[in-house]
Every structure is written in C-alpha cells, then in structure tokens.
Amino acid sequence: MSPGAPPSVSAPEELILLGEFGRVRGLKGDIRLKSFTENPADIAGYSPLMLADGTRVAIHTLRPAPGKATDTFLVRIKGVTTCEDAERFTGARLFVEKSRLRPPNGDDEFLMAELIGLAARTPAGDVLGTVVAVPDYGAGALIEIRRPGSPETVLVPFTRTFVPRVDIPGGALTVAWEEETP
C-alpha cells in the first residue's frame, strides 16, 4: 500500500489526515513532520496516529523544525532510535479517527474533508459542480470542483472572497466565481 492511500478500514471516510512525515534528520531517528491541524502543535495530542497500512505510531517528542515554517516539526517516534529505523516513515501520511477530534465550535468551523462531495453553486443558486478535493500546494487551500458531466475540474481559492458561504448540513457551498467565456 502506498504511503498516501488512506488506511483500509470499514469506514475510510471516518479517517482524517492530520499530517505527513518528511525526511529524516540526524542519527537518532528524528523525522520532519508537517502538521495540518489548525494549531500545528496540537497534532501531538492525537498520538498515537495511524499510517496508511493501519500501523499506529506514537509521537515521543515534538519540537519546532529549523526555519520559519510554523507547521513543521522534528519528531521522535516511540521505539525509533536510529535514522535507519526512521527512514521507513519518510513520506507517510498520518491519520486519526474522526471520533477522536473535538466537535466543531460553531457554524464557521468544519473539517476540510467535509467539503468533499458538497455541491458548488453560484450566488444565484446555479450548480457549478461538485467539490472533489481540497488541495493545498503551500500558498493556501483550494477547492477543486468537477463540472457536471465532465472529467474536467477547476481550482478556486478557498477564501471568503471566492467561497463566501459553506453550508455543510445543506450539502453546498457558494462560489463567487465567474467562468471565463472564450
């Protein structure tokens, strides 16, 4: 199984991606960890975390990585004491069961994973398509929308300017975006 695939469990939609391991640093098995949690250091509180193959890993220590990124840490995994041991975790994604997360705190708080499958509509209510992914390539989250009856997708910045309303219970979000016409 590839490190990016979600674990094989009965309800994969109940697993939430919280972080991803990067490269190994040092001789004692430290490994870089990029956290996707709102408060990046909170990822340690969800330990043990699950890898794609179902293996559980526990964070033993967590400290800020060198540099300016506030979402990247150097971690030591319980039971890992050498760089050779740590190398098997390079590129592995870390998941947690949705039931272990605290409940949302108001209407404006939701999990990015909950956006997938929502209908994307214009402010007038016209259907633009369906949200199929929420990628973040480093400059901020995007929503990827698949147009009805088409394999083509479009990317829209996930900001209040472009997505002024998210209605998880209603199964839709509003996209203030006008399609370019040739």
N, C-alpha and C. Protein backbone atom coordinates (compact mmCIF):
# COMPACT_ATOMS: atom_id res chain seq x y z
N MET A 1 0.85 -1.17 0.00
CA MET A 1 0.00 0.00 0.00
C MET A 1 0.89 1.23 0.00
N SER A 2 0.52 2.25 -0.75
CA SER A 2 1.34 3.46 -0.83
C SER A 2 1.13 4.31 0.41
N PRO A 3 2.16 5.12 0.79
CA PRO A 3 2.03 5.94 1.98
C PRO A 3 0.88 6.94 1.90
N GLY A 4 0.44 7.31 0.69
CA GLY A 4 -0.60 8.33 0.56
C GLY A 4 -2.01 7.79 0.62
N ALA A 5 -2.18 6.47 0.48
CA ALA A 5 -3.52 5.90 0.48
C ALA A 5 -4.07 5.86 1.90
N PRO A 6 -5.38 6.09 2.06
CA PRO A 6 -5.93 6.01 3.41
C PRO A 6 -5.91 4.56 3.90
N PRO A 7 -5.90 4.37 5.21
CA PRO A 7 -5.90 3.02 5.75
C PRO A 7 -7.13 2.23 5.29
N SER A 8 -6.97 0.92 5.20
CA SER A 8 -8.09 0.06 4.84
C SER A 8 -8.86 -0.29 6.10
N VAL A 9 -9.95 0.40 6.30
CA VAL A 9 -10.83 0.13 7.43
C VAL A 9 -12.25 0.14 6.91
N SER A 10 -13.19 -0.24 7.74
CA SER A 10 -14.56 -0.36 7.28
C SER A 10 -15.17 0.97 6.87
N ALA A 11 -14.73 2.08 7.45
CA ALA A 11 -15.30 3.39 7.13
C ALA A 11 -14.19 4.40 6.89
N PRO A 12 -13.53 4.37 5.69
CA PRO A 12 -12.41 5.28 5.47
C PRO A 12 -12.80 6.75 5.54
N GLU A 13 -14.08 7.08 5.33
CA GLU A 13 -14.48 8.48 5.42
C GLU A 13 -14.42 8.98 6.86
N GLU A 14 -14.24 8.08 7.82
CA GLU A 14 -14.14 8.45 9.21
C GLU A 14 -12.69 8.73 9.62
N LEU A 15 -11.74 8.65 8.68
CA LEU A 15 -10.34 8.94 8.97
C LEU A 15 -10.00 10.31 8.44
N ILE A 16 -9.29 11.08 9.25
CA ILE A 16 -8.94 12.44 8.89
C ILE A 16 -7.41 12.55 8.83
N LEU A 17 -6.92 13.12 7.74
CA LEU A 17 -5.49 13.32 7.55
C LEU A 17 -5.04 14.49 8.44
N LEU A 18 -4.07 14.23 9.33
CA LEU A 18 -3.59 15.27 10.24
C LEU A 18 -2.18 15.74 9.94
N GLY A 19 -1.40 14.94 9.22
CA GLY A 19 -0.02 15.34 8.97
C GLY A 19 0.69 14.39 8.03
N GLU A 20 1.94 14.74 7.73
CA GLU A 20 2.73 13.92 6.83
C GLU A 20 4.20 14.00 7.24
N PHE A 21 4.84 12.84 7.29
CA PHE A 21 6.26 12.80 7.59
C PHE A 21 7.07 13.22 6.37
N GLY A 22 8.18 13.89 6.64
CA GLY A 22 9.11 14.28 5.59
C GLY A 22 10.38 13.45 5.71
N ARG A 23 11.50 14.10 5.54
CA ARG A 23 12.78 13.38 5.55
C ARG A 23 13.33 13.25 6.97
N VAL A 24 14.22 12.30 7.11
CA VAL A 24 14.89 12.03 8.38
C VAL A 24 15.97 13.08 8.60
N ARG A 25 16.19 13.43 9.87
CA ARG A 25 17.23 14.41 10.21
C ARG A 25 17.99 13.91 11.43
N GLY A 26 19.27 13.76 11.28
CA GLY A 26 20.11 13.33 12.39
C GLY A 26 20.26 11.83 12.48
N LEU A 27 21.11 11.40 13.39
CA LEU A 27 21.44 9.99 13.53
C LEU A 27 20.55 9.24 14.51
N LYS A 28 19.78 9.96 15.32
CA LYS A 28 18.97 9.32 16.36
C LYS A 28 17.53 9.08 15.95
N GLY A 29 17.22 9.31 14.67
CA GLY A 29 15.88 8.98 14.20
C GLY A 29 14.88 10.10 14.21
N ASP A 30 15.32 11.35 14.32
CA ASP A 30 14.38 12.48 14.20
C ASP A 30 13.85 12.51 12.77
N ILE A 31 12.60 12.88 12.61
CA ILE A 31 12.00 12.96 11.29
C ILE A 31 11.12 14.21 11.24
N ARG A 32 11.11 14.87 10.07
CA ARG A 32 10.29 16.07 9.90
C ARG A 32 8.83 15.67 9.82
N LEU A 33 7.98 16.51 10.38
CA LEU A 33 6.54 16.29 10.36
C LEU A 33 5.85 17.59 10.02
N LYS A 34 5.05 17.57 8.96
CA LYS A 34 4.21 18.72 8.60
C LYS A 34 2.83 18.46 9.17
N SER A 35 2.36 19.38 10.01
CA SER A 35 1.06 19.25 10.66
C SER A 35 0.00 20.00 9.86
N PHE A 36 -1.17 19.38 9.73
CA PHE A 36 -2.30 20.00 9.04
C PHE A 36 -3.38 20.46 10.02
N THR A 37 -3.10 20.40 11.32
CA THR A 37 -4.09 20.82 12.30
C THR A 37 -4.12 22.34 12.40
N GLU A 38 -5.24 22.89 12.86
CA GLU A 38 -5.38 24.34 12.94
C GLU A 38 -4.28 24.96 13.78
N ASN A 39 -4.05 24.42 14.96
CA ASN A 39 -2.91 24.79 15.78
C ASN A 39 -1.89 23.67 15.56
N PRO A 40 -0.84 23.90 14.78
CA PRO A 40 0.04 22.82 14.36
C PRO A 40 0.58 21.91 15.46
N ALA A 41 0.91 22.46 16.62
CA ALA A 41 1.46 21.64 17.69
C ALA A 41 0.43 20.68 18.29
N ASP A 42 -0.85 20.91 18.05
CA ASP A 42 -1.90 20.05 18.58
C ASP A 42 -1.81 18.62 18.05
N ILE A 43 -1.10 18.41 16.95
CA ILE A 43 -1.01 17.06 16.38
C ILE A 43 -0.48 16.06 17.41
N ALA A 44 0.43 16.48 18.28
CA ALA A 44 0.99 15.57 19.27
C ALA A 44 -0.08 15.05 20.23
N GLY A 45 -1.11 15.82 20.46
CA GLY A 45 -2.18 15.40 21.36
C GLY A 45 -3.05 14.30 20.80
N TYR A 46 -2.95 14.03 19.51
CA TYR A 46 -3.74 12.96 18.89
C TYR A 46 -2.96 11.65 18.81
N SER A 47 -1.74 11.66 19.31
CA SER A 47 -0.91 10.46 19.29
C SER A 47 -1.55 9.38 20.17
N PRO A 48 -1.56 8.11 19.75
CA PRO A 48 -0.94 7.57 18.55
C PRO A 48 -1.79 7.85 17.31
N LEU A 49 -1.08 8.02 16.20
CA LEU A 49 -1.70 8.27 14.91
C LEU A 49 -1.59 7.02 14.05
N MET A 50 -2.38 6.96 12.98
CA MET A 50 -2.42 5.77 12.13
C MET A 50 -1.76 6.05 10.79
N LEU A 51 -0.95 5.12 10.33
CA LEU A 51 -0.37 5.18 8.99
C LEU A 51 -1.34 4.54 8.00
N ALA A 52 -1.04 4.68 6.71
CA ALA A 52 -1.91 4.15 5.66
C ALA A 52 -2.10 2.64 5.76
N ASP A 53 -1.11 1.93 6.27
CA ASP A 53 -1.24 0.47 6.37
C ASP A 53 -1.92 0.03 7.66
N GLY A 54 -2.38 0.99 8.47
CA GLY A 54 -3.05 0.67 9.72
C GLY A 54 -2.14 0.65 10.93
N THR A 55 -0.83 0.75 10.71
CA THR A 55 0.13 0.80 11.81
C THR A 55 -0.08 2.06 12.63
N ARG A 56 0.00 1.93 13.94
CA ARG A 56 -0.11 3.09 14.82
C ARG A 56 1.29 3.52 15.24
N VAL A 57 1.51 4.84 15.22
CA VAL A 57 2.78 5.40 15.66
C VAL A 57 2.49 6.46 16.73
N ALA A 58 3.33 6.46 17.74
CA ALA A 58 3.17 7.42 18.84
C ALA A 58 4.31 8.43 18.79
N ILE A 59 3.96 9.69 18.93
CA ILE A 59 4.97 10.75 18.95
C ILE A 59 5.58 10.79 20.35
N HIS A 60 6.89 10.62 20.41
CA HIS A 60 7.61 10.64 21.70
C HIS A 60 8.02 12.07 22.06
N THR A 61 8.61 12.78 21.08
CA THR A 61 8.97 14.19 21.29
C THR A 61 8.59 14.98 20.04
N LEU A 62 8.30 16.25 20.25
CA LEU A 62 7.94 17.16 19.16
C LEU A 62 8.58 18.50 19.47
N ARG A 63 9.34 19.03 18.51
CA ARG A 63 9.94 20.36 18.69
C ARG A 63 9.92 21.07 17.33
N PRO A 64 9.89 22.39 17.33
CA PRO A 64 9.87 23.13 16.06
C PRO A 64 11.08 22.79 15.19
N ALA A 65 10.84 22.65 13.91
CA ALA A 65 11.94 22.42 12.96
C ALA A 65 12.65 23.74 12.70
N PRO A 66 13.93 23.69 12.34
CA PRO A 66 14.63 24.92 11.99
C PRO A 66 13.94 25.60 10.80
N GLY A 67 13.96 26.91 10.78
CA GLY A 67 13.33 27.67 9.70
C GLY A 67 12.12 28.42 10.19
N LYS A 68 11.41 29.04 9.26
CA LYS A 68 10.29 29.92 9.60
C LYS A 68 8.93 29.23 9.59
N ALA A 69 8.84 28.01 9.05
CA ALA A 69 7.55 27.33 8.97
C ALA A 69 7.04 26.99 10.37
N THR A 70 5.84 27.43 10.67
CA THR A 70 5.26 27.18 11.99
C THR A 70 4.50 25.86 12.05
N ASP A 71 4.35 25.19 10.92
CA ASP A 71 3.60 23.95 10.88
C ASP A 71 4.49 22.72 10.70
N THR A 72 5.81 22.90 10.81
CA THR A 72 6.75 21.81 10.60
C THR A 72 7.58 21.59 11.86
N PHE A 73 7.69 20.32 12.23
CA PHE A 73 8.36 19.94 13.48
C PHE A 73 9.39 18.85 13.21
N LEU A 74 10.26 18.68 14.17
CA LEU A 74 11.12 17.50 14.23
C LEU A 74 10.53 16.64 15.33
N VAL A 75 10.24 15.38 15.00
CA VAL A 75 9.64 14.49 15.98
C VAL A 75 10.49 13.24 16.15
N ARG A 76 10.33 12.65 17.27
CA ARG A 76 10.90 11.34 17.52
C ARG A 76 9.70 10.42 17.77
N ILE A 77 9.70 9.29 17.09
CA ILE A 77 8.62 8.31 17.22
C ILE A 77 9.02 7.29 18.29
N LYS A 78 8.08 6.95 19.15
CA LYS A 78 8.36 5.96 20.19
C LYS A 78 8.86 4.68 19.54
N GLY A 79 9.97 4.16 20.05
CA GLY A 79 10.54 2.92 19.54
C GLY A 79 11.51 3.09 18.39
N VAL A 80 11.63 4.30 17.86
CA VAL A 80 12.56 4.57 16.75
C VAL A 80 13.78 5.28 17.32
N THR A 81 14.95 4.67 17.14
CA THR A 81 16.16 5.23 17.76
C THR A 81 17.30 5.49 16.78
N THR A 82 17.12 5.12 15.52
CA THR A 82 18.18 5.35 14.53
C THR A 82 17.58 5.96 13.28
N CYS A 83 18.43 6.58 12.48
CA CYS A 83 17.95 7.17 11.23
C CYS A 83 17.47 6.06 10.28
N GLU A 84 18.08 4.89 10.36
CA GLU A 84 17.64 3.77 9.50
C GLU A 84 16.21 3.35 9.86
N ASP A 85 15.91 3.31 11.16
CA ASP A 85 14.54 2.98 11.60
C ASP A 85 13.54 4.03 11.12
N ALA A 86 13.94 5.27 11.19
CA ALA A 86 13.03 6.38 10.84
C ALA A 86 12.78 6.48 9.34
N GLU A 87 13.72 6.04 8.53
CA GLU A 87 13.59 6.18 7.07
C GLU A 87 12.34 5.49 6.52
N ARG A 88 11.87 4.44 7.16
CA ARG A 88 10.67 3.76 6.64
C ARG A 88 9.40 4.60 6.76
N PHE A 89 9.48 5.70 7.53
CA PHE A 89 8.32 6.57 7.70
C PHE A 89 8.33 7.76 6.73
N THR A 90 9.42 7.95 5.99
CA THR A 90 9.52 9.08 5.07
C THR A 90 8.35 9.09 4.10
N GLY A 91 7.64 10.20 4.03
CA GLY A 91 6.51 10.36 3.12
C GLY A 91 5.20 9.78 3.61
N ALA A 92 5.20 9.12 4.75
CA ALA A 92 3.97 8.51 5.26
C ALA A 92 3.01 9.58 5.77
N ARG A 93 1.74 9.36 5.50
CA ARG A 93 0.69 10.26 5.98
C ARG A 93 0.14 9.74 7.30
N LEU A 94 -0.29 10.66 8.14
CA LEU A 94 -0.79 10.34 9.47
C LEU A 94 -2.27 10.67 9.58
N PHE A 95 -3.04 9.68 10.00
CA PHE A 95 -4.49 9.81 10.10
C PHE A 95 -4.94 9.63 11.54
N VAL A 96 -6.15 10.12 11.81
CA VAL A 96 -6.79 9.90 13.11
C VAL A 96 -8.26 9.63 12.83
N GLU A 97 -8.88 8.86 13.69
CA GLU A 97 -10.30 8.60 13.56
C GLU A 97 -11.08 9.89 13.86
N LYS A 98 -12.06 10.18 13.05
CA LYS A 98 -12.85 11.40 13.22
C LYS A 98 -13.46 11.48 14.62
N SER A 99 -13.81 10.36 15.19
CA SER A 99 -14.42 10.33 16.52
C SER A 99 -13.48 10.86 17.61
N ARG A 100 -12.16 10.90 17.34
CA ARG A 100 -11.19 11.40 18.33
C ARG A 100 -11.03 12.91 18.26
N LEU A 101 -11.59 13.55 17.27
CA LEU A 101 -11.49 15.01 17.14
C LEU A 101 -12.54 15.69 18.00
N ARG A 102 -12.23 16.89 18.46
CA ARG A 102 -13.24 17.63 19.22
C ARG A 102 -14.32 18.09 18.25
N PRO A 103 -15.56 18.22 18.73
CA PRO A 103 -16.64 18.65 17.84
C PRO A 103 -16.44 20.09 17.39
N PRO A 104 -17.01 20.46 16.23
CA PRO A 104 -16.89 21.83 15.75
C PRO A 104 -17.42 22.83 16.76
N ASN A 105 -16.80 24.02 16.77
CA ASN A 105 -17.17 25.07 17.70
C ASN A 105 -17.88 26.18 16.94
N GLY A 106 -19.08 25.91 16.46
CA GLY A 106 -19.85 26.93 15.75
C GLY A 106 -20.01 26.60 14.27
N ASP A 107 -20.79 27.43 13.58
CA ASP A 107 -21.11 27.20 12.18
C ASP A 107 -19.92 27.42 11.25
N ASP A 108 -18.97 28.25 11.66
CA ASP A 108 -17.83 28.55 10.80
C ASP A 108 -16.68 27.57 10.96
N GLU A 109 -16.86 26.53 11.76
CA GLU A 109 -15.79 25.56 11.97
C GLU A 109 -16.21 24.21 11.41
N PHE A 110 -15.34 23.64 10.59
CA PHE A 110 -15.61 22.35 9.98
C PHE A 110 -14.27 21.75 9.55
N LEU A 111 -14.30 20.49 9.20
CA LEU A 111 -13.11 19.83 8.68
C LEU A 111 -13.03 20.03 7.18
N MET A 112 -11.84 20.25 6.67
CA MET A 112 -11.69 20.41 5.22
C MET A 112 -12.22 19.18 4.48
N ALA A 113 -12.07 18.00 5.07
CA ALA A 113 -12.55 16.77 4.45
C ALA A 113 -14.07 16.80 4.26
N GLU A 114 -14.79 17.58 5.09
CA GLU A 114 -16.24 17.65 4.96
C GLU A 114 -16.68 18.44 3.73
N LEU A 115 -15.76 19.17 3.10
CA LEU A 115 -16.11 19.92 1.89
C LEU A 115 -16.25 19.00 0.67
N ILE A 116 -15.53 17.89 0.70
CA ILE A 116 -15.56 16.97 -0.43
C ILE A 116 -16.94 16.37 -0.57
N GLY A 117 -17.49 16.48 -1.78
CA GLY A 117 -18.83 15.98 -2.06
C GLY A 117 -19.90 17.05 -2.03
N LEU A 118 -19.56 18.25 -1.51
CA LEU A 118 -20.56 19.32 -1.49
C LEU A 118 -20.82 19.84 -2.90
N ALA A 119 -22.04 20.28 -3.14
CA ALA A 119 -22.37 20.94 -4.40
C ALA A 119 -21.78 22.34 -4.37
N ALA A 120 -21.17 22.75 -5.47
CA ALA A 120 -20.66 24.11 -5.61
C ALA A 120 -21.69 24.89 -6.43
N ARG A 121 -22.18 25.97 -5.86
CA ARG A 121 -23.24 26.76 -6.51
C ARG A 121 -22.81 28.22 -6.63
N THR A 122 -23.35 28.89 -7.62
CA THR A 122 -23.14 30.33 -7.77
C THR A 122 -24.01 31.04 -6.73
N PRO A 123 -23.79 32.34 -6.50
CA PRO A 123 -24.67 33.07 -5.58
C PRO A 123 -26.13 33.04 -6.01
N ALA A 124 -26.39 32.86 -7.30
CA ALA A 124 -27.76 32.77 -7.79
C ALA A 124 -28.36 31.38 -7.62
N GLY A 125 -27.53 30.40 -7.20
CA GLY A 125 -28.02 29.05 -6.96
C GLY A 125 -27.75 28.07 -8.10
N ASP A 126 -27.12 28.52 -9.18
CA ASP A 126 -26.81 27.62 -10.29
C ASP A 126 -25.70 26.67 -9.89
N VAL A 127 -25.81 25.42 -10.33
CA VAL A 127 -24.81 24.41 -9.99
C VAL A 127 -23.57 24.57 -10.86
N LEU A 128 -22.42 24.71 -10.21
CA LEU A 128 -21.14 24.75 -10.91
C LEU A 128 -20.53 23.36 -11.01
N GLY A 129 -20.80 22.52 -10.01
CA GLY A 129 -20.24 21.19 -9.98
C GLY A 129 -20.20 20.66 -8.56
N THR A 130 -19.27 19.72 -8.34
CA THR A 130 -19.11 19.07 -7.04
C THR A 130 -17.67 19.21 -6.58
N VAL A 131 -17.47 19.49 -5.30
CA VAL A 131 -16.12 19.57 -4.74
C VAL A 131 -15.56 18.15 -4.68
N VAL A 132 -14.41 17.93 -5.33
CA VAL A 132 -13.80 16.60 -5.36
C VAL A 132 -12.51 16.53 -4.55
N ALA A 133 -11.92 17.68 -4.22
CA ALA A 133 -10.68 17.69 -3.44
C ALA A 133 -10.47 19.07 -2.85
N VAL A 134 -9.62 19.14 -1.82
CA VAL A 134 -9.24 20.40 -1.19
C VAL A 134 -7.72 20.40 -1.06
N PRO A 135 -7.02 20.62 -2.18
CA PRO A 135 -5.55 20.60 -2.12
C PRO A 135 -4.98 21.89 -1.54
N ASP A 136 -3.78 21.77 -1.03
CA ASP A 136 -3.03 22.94 -0.56
C ASP A 136 -1.59 22.73 -1.00
N TYR A 137 -1.17 23.50 -1.97
CA TYR A 137 0.17 23.36 -2.53
C TYR A 137 1.18 24.30 -1.87
N GLY A 138 0.78 24.89 -0.74
CA GLY A 138 1.69 25.73 0.02
C GLY A 138 1.30 27.19 0.08
N ALA A 139 0.44 27.64 -0.81
CA ALA A 139 0.04 29.05 -0.82
C ALA A 139 -1.38 29.24 -0.30
N GLY A 140 -1.94 28.21 0.30
CA GLY A 140 -3.30 28.29 0.81
C GLY A 140 -4.19 27.23 0.16
N ALA A 141 -5.25 26.89 0.85
CA ALA A 141 -6.15 25.85 0.37
C ALA A 141 -6.91 26.29 -0.88
N LEU A 142 -7.19 25.30 -1.71
CA LEU A 142 -8.00 25.49 -2.91
C LEU A 142 -9.16 24.50 -2.82
N ILE A 143 -10.22 24.76 -3.56
CA ILE A 143 -11.24 23.73 -3.72
C ILE A 143 -11.22 23.33 -5.19
N GLU A 144 -11.25 22.04 -5.41
CA GLU A 144 -11.26 21.51 -6.77
C GLU A 144 -12.68 21.07 -7.09
N ILE A 145 -13.24 21.66 -8.14
CA ILE A 145 -14.64 21.43 -8.49
C ILE A 145 -14.70 20.70 -9.83
N ARG A 146 -15.42 19.57 -9.84
CA ARG A 146 -15.65 18.84 -11.10
C ARG A 146 -16.98 19.31 -11.68
N ARG A 147 -16.90 19.75 -12.93
CA ARG A 147 -18.10 20.23 -13.63
C ARG A 147 -19.04 19.06 -13.91
N PRO A 148 -20.35 19.29 -13.92
CA PRO A 148 -21.31 18.21 -14.18
C PRO A 148 -21.07 17.59 -15.57
N GLY A 149 -21.04 16.26 -15.61
CA GLY A 149 -20.90 15.54 -16.87
C GLY A 149 -19.56 15.70 -17.55
N SER A 150 -18.54 16.11 -16.82
CA SER A 150 -17.23 16.36 -17.42
C SER A 150 -16.13 15.82 -16.51
N PRO A 151 -15.05 15.32 -17.11
CA PRO A 151 -13.91 14.91 -16.28
C PRO A 151 -13.06 16.12 -15.87
N GLU A 152 -13.30 17.27 -16.48
CA GLU A 152 -12.52 18.48 -16.20
C GLU A 152 -12.85 19.04 -14.81
N THR A 153 -11.82 19.60 -14.19
CA THR A 153 -12.01 20.25 -12.90
C THR A 153 -11.44 21.67 -12.96
N VAL A 154 -11.89 22.50 -12.03
CA VAL A 154 -11.35 23.84 -11.89
C VAL A 154 -10.93 24.02 -10.43
N LEU A 155 -9.91 24.83 -10.21
CA LEU A 155 -9.44 25.14 -8.87
C LEU A 155 -9.84 26.57 -8.52
N VAL A 156 -10.37 26.73 -7.32
CA VAL A 156 -10.81 28.04 -6.84
C VAL A 156 -10.16 28.25 -5.47
N PRO A 157 -9.57 29.44 -5.22
CA PRO A 157 -9.01 29.69 -3.89
C PRO A 157 -10.08 29.55 -2.81
N PHE A 158 -9.73 28.87 -1.73
CA PHE A 158 -10.66 28.70 -0.63
C PHE A 158 -10.49 29.85 0.35
N THR A 159 -11.05 30.99 -0.05
CA THR A 159 -11.05 32.20 0.77
C THR A 159 -12.48 32.71 0.84
N ARG A 160 -12.76 33.60 1.79
CA ARG A 160 -14.12 34.16 1.89
C ARG A 160 -14.51 34.94 0.63
N THR A 161 -13.53 35.51 -0.05
CA THR A 161 -13.83 36.24 -1.28
C THR A 161 -14.42 35.32 -2.34
N PHE A 162 -13.82 34.16 -2.51
CA PHE A 162 -14.28 33.23 -3.54
C PHE A 162 -15.32 32.23 -3.04
N VAL A 163 -15.29 31.92 -1.74
CA VAL A 163 -16.25 30.97 -1.16
C VAL A 163 -16.87 31.65 0.07
N PRO A 164 -17.86 32.53 -0.17
CA PRO A 164 -18.41 33.29 0.95
C PRO A 164 -19.31 32.50 1.89
N ARG A 165 -19.80 31.33 1.46
CA ARG A 165 -20.72 30.58 2.31
C ARG A 165 -20.46 29.09 2.18
N VAL A 166 -20.36 28.43 3.33
CA VAL A 166 -20.23 26.98 3.39
C VAL A 166 -21.38 26.47 4.24
N ASP A 167 -22.18 25.58 3.67
CA ASP A 167 -23.34 25.02 4.37
C ASP A 167 -23.20 23.50 4.39
N ILE A 168 -22.46 22.99 5.39
CA ILE A 168 -22.22 21.55 5.48
C ILE A 168 -23.55 20.79 5.62
N PRO A 169 -24.45 21.18 6.55
CA PRO A 169 -25.71 20.43 6.67
C PRO A 169 -26.55 20.48 5.39
N GLY A 170 -26.48 21.61 4.67
CA GLY A 170 -27.24 21.76 3.43
C GLY A 170 -26.56 21.12 2.22
N GLY A 171 -25.32 20.66 2.39
CA GLY A 171 -24.62 19.95 1.31
C GLY A 171 -24.15 20.82 0.17
N ALA A 172 -23.89 22.11 0.44
CA ALA A 172 -23.48 23.00 -0.65
C ALA A 172 -22.58 24.11 -0.12
N LEU A 173 -21.86 24.70 -1.05
CA LEU A 173 -21.12 25.92 -0.76
C LEU A 173 -21.33 26.88 -1.92
N THR A 174 -21.20 28.16 -1.61
CA THR A 174 -21.38 29.20 -2.62
C THR A 174 -20.02 29.63 -3.13
N VAL A 175 -19.90 29.68 -4.45
CA VAL A 175 -18.65 30.09 -5.08
C VAL A 175 -18.90 31.37 -5.88
N ALA A 176 -18.28 32.45 -5.45
CA ALA A 176 -18.41 33.74 -6.13
C ALA A 176 -17.33 33.80 -7.20
N TRP A 177 -17.58 33.13 -8.28
CA TRP A 177 -16.60 32.99 -9.35
C TRP A 177 -17.35 32.95 -10.67
N GLU A 178 -16.83 33.70 -11.62
CA GLU A 178 -17.47 33.70 -12.93
C GLU A 178 -16.56 32.99 -13.91
N GLU A 179 -17.16 32.08 -14.64
CA GLU A 179 -16.41 31.32 -15.63
C GLU A 179 -16.04 32.23 -16.79
N GLU A 180 -14.78 32.10 -17.23
CA GLU A 180 -14.36 32.87 -18.40
C GLU A 180 -15.00 32.30 -19.65
N THR A 181 -15.44 33.18 -20.51
CA THR A 181 -16.03 32.72 -21.77
C THR A 181 -15.08 33.09 -22.91
N PRO A 182 -14.92 32.17 -23.86
CA PRO A 182 -13.98 32.46 -24.96
C PRO A 182 -14.47 33.52 -25.90
